[in-house]
N, C-alpha and C. Protein backbone atom coordinates (compact mmCIF):
# COMPACT_ATOMS: atom_id res chain seq x y z
N UNK A 1 0.84 -1.18 0.00
CA UNK A 1 0.00 0.00 0.00
C UNK A 1 0.89 1.24 0.00
N UNK A 2 0.55 2.23 -0.81
CA UNK A 2 1.42 3.40 -0.90
C UNK A 2 1.35 4.27 0.36
N UNK A 3 2.47 4.87 0.67
CA UNK A 3 2.56 5.77 1.82
C UNK A 3 2.71 7.20 1.32
N UNK A 4 2.21 8.18 2.08
CA UNK A 4 2.37 9.58 1.67
C UNK A 4 3.83 10.01 1.72
N UNK A 5 4.24 10.80 0.74
CA UNK A 5 5.64 11.25 0.70
C UNK A 5 5.86 12.41 1.66
N UNK A 6 4.81 13.21 1.89
CA UNK A 6 4.94 14.35 2.79
C UNK A 6 3.76 14.42 3.74
N UNK A 7 3.97 15.08 4.86
CA UNK A 7 2.92 15.21 5.87
C UNK A 7 1.85 16.19 5.41
N UNK A 8 0.59 15.82 5.59
CA UNK A 8 -0.51 16.73 5.28
C UNK A 8 -0.65 17.71 6.45
N UNK A 9 -0.98 18.94 6.13
CA UNK A 9 -1.12 19.94 7.18
C UNK A 9 -2.37 19.68 8.01
N UNK A 10 -2.43 20.30 9.19
CA UNK A 10 -3.59 20.13 10.06
C UNK A 10 -4.84 20.74 9.42
N UNK A 11 -4.67 21.83 8.70
CA UNK A 11 -5.81 22.46 8.03
C UNK A 11 -6.39 21.54 6.97
N UNK A 12 -5.52 20.89 6.22
CA UNK A 12 -5.99 19.98 5.17
C UNK A 12 -6.69 18.77 5.78
N UNK A 13 -6.14 18.24 6.87
CA UNK A 13 -6.76 17.12 7.57
C UNK A 13 -8.13 17.50 8.13
N UNK A 14 -8.22 18.68 8.74
CA UNK A 14 -9.47 19.11 9.35
C UNK A 14 -10.54 19.45 8.31
N UNK A 15 -10.13 19.93 7.14
CA UNK A 15 -11.09 20.18 6.07
C UNK A 15 -11.75 18.88 5.63
N UNK A 16 -10.98 17.83 5.59
CA UNK A 16 -11.51 16.53 5.20
C UNK A 16 -12.47 16.00 6.25
N UNK A 17 -12.17 16.19 7.51
CA UNK A 17 -12.98 15.66 8.60
C UNK A 17 -14.22 16.50 8.90
N UNK A 18 -14.27 17.73 8.46
CA UNK A 18 -15.34 18.64 8.84
C UNK A 18 -16.69 18.28 8.23
N UNK A 19 -16.70 17.55 7.13
CA UNK A 19 -17.98 17.25 6.47
C UNK A 19 -18.85 16.33 7.30
N UNK A 20 -18.26 15.54 8.20
CA UNK A 20 -19.05 14.62 9.03
C UNK A 20 -19.87 15.34 10.08
N UNK A 21 -19.43 16.50 10.53
CA UNK A 21 -20.13 17.19 11.62
C UNK A 21 -21.38 17.93 11.15
N UNK A 22 -21.56 18.10 9.85
CA UNK A 22 -22.69 18.87 9.33
C UNK A 22 -23.86 17.99 8.89
N UNK A 23 -23.82 16.70 9.20
CA UNK A 23 -24.82 15.81 8.64
C UNK A 23 -26.19 15.92 9.27
N UNK A 24 -26.30 16.08 10.58
CA UNK A 24 -27.61 16.07 11.20
C UNK A 24 -27.89 17.40 11.89
N UNK A 25 -29.14 17.81 11.82
CA UNK A 25 -29.60 19.02 12.47
C UNK A 25 -30.25 18.61 13.79
N UNK A 26 -29.93 19.33 14.84
CA UNK A 26 -30.49 18.97 16.14
C UNK A 26 -31.98 19.28 16.16
N UNK A 27 -32.73 18.45 16.86
CA UNK A 27 -34.17 18.62 16.94
C UNK A 27 -34.53 19.49 18.13
N UNK A 28 -35.73 20.03 18.12
CA UNK A 28 -36.23 20.84 19.22
C UNK A 28 -37.44 20.16 19.83
N UNK A 29 -37.61 20.34 21.12
CA UNK A 29 -38.80 19.84 21.79
C UNK A 29 -39.51 21.03 22.43
N UNK A 30 -40.75 20.81 22.86
CA UNK A 30 -41.55 21.88 23.44
C UNK A 30 -41.44 21.81 24.96
N UNK A 31 -41.19 22.94 25.58
CA UNK A 31 -41.10 23.02 27.03
C UNK A 31 -42.50 22.86 27.62
N UNK A 32 -42.71 21.95 28.57
CA UNK A 32 -44.05 21.78 29.13
C UNK A 32 -44.49 22.95 30.01
N UNK A 33 -43.56 23.77 30.48
CA UNK A 33 -43.92 24.90 31.34
C UNK A 33 -44.36 26.12 30.54
N UNK A 34 -43.50 26.57 29.60
CA UNK A 34 -43.78 27.82 28.88
C UNK A 34 -44.18 27.59 27.43
N UNK A 35 -44.18 26.35 26.96
CA UNK A 35 -44.60 25.97 25.61
C UNK A 35 -43.74 26.59 24.51
N UNK A 36 -42.50 26.91 24.80
CA UNK A 36 -41.58 27.45 23.80
C UNK A 36 -40.60 26.36 23.41
N UNK A 37 -40.02 26.42 22.20
CA UNK A 37 -39.07 25.38 21.78
C UNK A 37 -37.76 25.46 22.56
N UNK A 38 -37.21 24.29 22.86
CA UNK A 38 -35.92 24.21 23.57
C UNK A 38 -35.20 22.95 23.10
N UNK A 39 -33.93 22.85 23.39
CA UNK A 39 -33.15 21.67 23.06
C UNK A 39 -33.56 20.54 24.00
N UNK A 40 -33.66 19.30 23.50
CA UNK A 40 -34.02 18.20 24.39
C UNK A 40 -32.91 17.93 25.41
N UNK A 41 -33.30 17.55 26.62
CA UNK A 41 -32.41 17.23 27.72
C UNK A 41 -31.58 18.43 28.16
N UNK A 42 -32.10 19.63 27.99
CA UNK A 42 -31.43 20.85 28.42
C UNK A 42 -32.40 21.70 29.23
N UNK A 43 -31.88 22.61 30.03
CA UNK A 43 -32.71 23.55 30.77
C UNK A 43 -33.32 24.53 29.78
N UNK A 44 -34.60 24.85 29.99
CA UNK A 44 -35.28 25.80 29.10
C UNK A 44 -34.67 27.19 29.30
N UNK A 45 -34.19 27.85 28.24
CA UNK A 45 -33.59 29.18 28.41
C UNK A 45 -34.62 30.27 28.69
N UNK A 46 -35.90 29.97 28.46
CA UNK A 46 -36.95 30.98 28.65
C UNK A 46 -37.48 31.00 30.07
N UNK A 47 -37.73 29.82 30.66
CA UNK A 47 -38.33 29.76 31.99
C UNK A 47 -37.39 29.19 33.05
N UNK A 48 -36.33 28.48 32.67
CA UNK A 48 -35.37 27.94 33.62
C UNK A 48 -35.78 26.62 34.25
N UNK A 49 -36.78 25.95 33.70
CA UNK A 49 -37.25 24.68 34.25
C UNK A 49 -36.62 23.50 33.51
N UNK A 50 -36.43 22.40 34.25
CA UNK A 50 -36.00 21.14 33.66
C UNK A 50 -36.68 20.02 34.43
N UNK A 51 -37.35 19.14 33.71
CA UNK A 51 -38.05 17.99 34.29
C UNK A 51 -39.10 18.43 35.31
N UNK A 52 -39.77 19.55 35.04
CA UNK A 52 -40.84 20.04 35.90
C UNK A 52 -40.39 20.74 37.16
N UNK A 53 -39.08 21.02 37.29
CA UNK A 53 -38.55 21.66 38.49
C UNK A 53 -37.76 22.91 38.10
N UNK A 54 -37.88 23.98 38.88
CA UNK A 54 -37.08 25.17 38.59
C UNK A 54 -35.60 24.91 38.90
N UNK A 55 -34.76 25.15 37.93
CA UNK A 55 -33.32 24.89 38.10
C UNK A 55 -32.55 26.19 38.25
N UNK A 56 -32.85 27.14 37.39
CA UNK A 56 -32.18 28.45 37.46
C UNK A 56 -33.24 29.53 37.44
N UNK A 57 -32.93 30.65 38.05
CA UNK A 57 -33.85 31.79 38.06
C UNK A 57 -33.56 32.66 36.85
N UNK A 58 -34.58 32.87 36.03
CA UNK A 58 -34.45 33.69 34.82
C UNK A 58 -35.03 35.07 35.12
N UNK A 59 -34.25 36.11 34.85
CA UNK A 59 -34.74 37.47 35.04
C UNK A 59 -35.72 37.82 33.93
N UNK A 60 -36.62 38.72 34.20
CA UNK A 60 -37.58 39.16 33.18
C UNK A 60 -36.84 39.93 32.10
N UNK A 61 -37.39 39.91 30.90
CA UNK A 61 -36.74 40.57 29.77
C UNK A 61 -36.62 42.07 29.99
N UNK A 62 -37.58 42.66 30.71
CA UNK A 62 -37.53 44.10 30.97
C UNK A 62 -36.36 44.45 31.89
N UNK A 63 -36.06 43.59 32.86
CA UNK A 63 -34.96 43.86 33.76
C UNK A 63 -33.62 43.74 33.06
N UNK A 64 -33.53 42.87 32.07
CA UNK A 64 -32.28 42.69 31.34
C UNK A 64 -31.96 43.93 30.50
N UNK A 65 -32.99 44.58 29.96
CA UNK A 65 -32.77 45.75 29.12
C UNK A 65 -32.24 46.93 29.92
N UNK A 66 -32.61 47.03 31.20
CA UNK A 66 -32.17 48.16 32.04
C UNK A 66 -30.80 47.92 32.53
């Protein structure tokens, strides 16, 4: 089997490998508390609930603007 005569650069290697990471799009699920889309198995960024329990306190949007 032939061997490469010179080392391929890291950029060239990573360009070849990058096509595998773009194959699937992550799905969204609906939060049972606020009914907004969120990533599955993650804390809801809108209400801060996970598995029916409050995990983090989310400030109101009006307070963030001030």
